[in-house]
Amino acid sequence: MMQDDTNKVPLFKSWNQWYVFVLVFLVLLIILFSIFTKAFS
């Protein structure tokens, strides 16, 4: 069984880049939903 493949991160070079991507994505979602809430209230 190859265990080297389990530690490789797809798409980004490190896990820290994934964490930054997820945080930015969540912040953008919050901003987007707040704009929708103000626009349709």
C-alpha atoms as a PDB file:
ATOM      1  CA  MET A   1       0.000   0.000   0.000  1.00  0.00           C
ATOM      2  CA  MET A   2       1.396   3.378  -0.975  1.00  0.00           C
ATOM      3  CA  GLN A   3       1.161   5.920   1.807  1.00  0.00           C
ATOM      4  CA  ASP A   4       3.001   8.698  -0.015  1.00  0.00           C
ATOM      5  CA  ASP A   5      -0.112   9.534  -2.023  1.00  0.00           C
ATOM      6  CA  THR A   6      -2.215  10.194   1.081  1.00  0.00           C
ATOM      7  CA  ASN A   7      -0.134  13.218   2.082  1.00  0.00           C
ATOM      8  CA  LYS A   8      -0.173  14.883  -1.325  1.00  0.00           C
ATOM      9  CA  VAL A   9      -2.498  17.854  -1.620  1.00  0.00           C
ATOM     10  CA  PRO A  10      -4.388  18.132  -4.902  1.00  0.00           C
ATOM     11  CA  LEU A  11      -4.601  21.474  -6.734  1.00  0.00           C
ATOM     12  CA  PHE A  12      -2.462  23.448  -4.244  1.00  0.00           C
ATOM     13  CA  LYS A  13       1.087  22.878  -3.046  1.00  0.00           C
ATOM     14  CA  SER A  14       0.347  22.995   0.668  1.00  0.00           C
ATOM     15  CA  TRP A  15      -2.509  22.700   3.130  1.00  0.00           C
ATOM     16  CA  ASN A  16      -2.040  26.329   4.183  1.00  0.00           C
ATOM     17  CA  GLN A  17      -3.044  27.440   0.691  1.00  0.00           C
ATOM     18  CA  TRP A  18      -6.210  25.348   0.999  1.00  0.00           C
ATOM     19  CA  TYR A  19      -7.017  26.977   4.344  1.00  0.00           C
ATOM     20  CA  VAL A  20      -6.566  30.464   2.889  1.00  0.00           C
ATOM     21  CA  PHE A  21      -8.705  29.553  -0.118  1.00  0.00           C
ATOM     22  CA  VAL A  22     -11.522  28.217   2.066  1.00  0.00           C
ATOM     23  CA  LEU A  23     -11.428  31.257   4.373  1.00  0.00           C
ATOM     24  CA  VAL A  24     -11.538  33.677   1.433  1.00  0.00           C
ATOM     25  CA  PHE A  25     -14.361  31.698  -0.158  1.00  0.00           C
ATOM     26  CA  LEU A  26     -16.409  31.785   3.046  1.00  0.00           C
ATOM     27  CA  VAL A  27     -15.852  35.518   3.498  1.00  0.00           C
ATOM     28  CA  LEU A  28     -16.972  36.109  -0.084  1.00  0.00           C
ATOM     29  CA  LEU A  29     -20.104  34.059   0.530  1.00  0.00           C
ATOM     30  CA  ILE A  30     -20.911  36.085   3.635  1.00  0.00           C
ATOM     31  CA  ILE A  31     -20.463  39.340   1.724  1.00  0.00           C
ATOM     32  CA  LEU A  32     -22.560  38.050  -1.165  1.00  0.00           C
ATOM     33  CA  PHE A  33     -25.419  36.939   1.084  1.00  0.00           C
ATOM     34  CA  SER A  34     -25.368  40.214   2.989  1.00  0.00           C
ATOM     35  CA  ILE A  35     -25.650  42.117  -0.318  1.00  0.00           C
ATOM     36  CA  PHE A  36     -28.575  39.900  -1.358  1.00  0.00           C
ATOM     37  CA  THR A  37     -30.243  40.444   2.007  1.00  0.00           C
ATOM     38  CA  LYS A  38     -29.957  44.237   1.713  1.00  0.00           C
ATOM     39  CA  ALA A  39     -31.052  44.235  -1.931  1.00  0.00           C
ATOM     40  CA  PHE A  40     -34.191  42.128  -1.419  1.00  0.00           C
ATOM     41  CA  SER A  41     -35.272  43.329   2.015  1.00  0.00           C
END
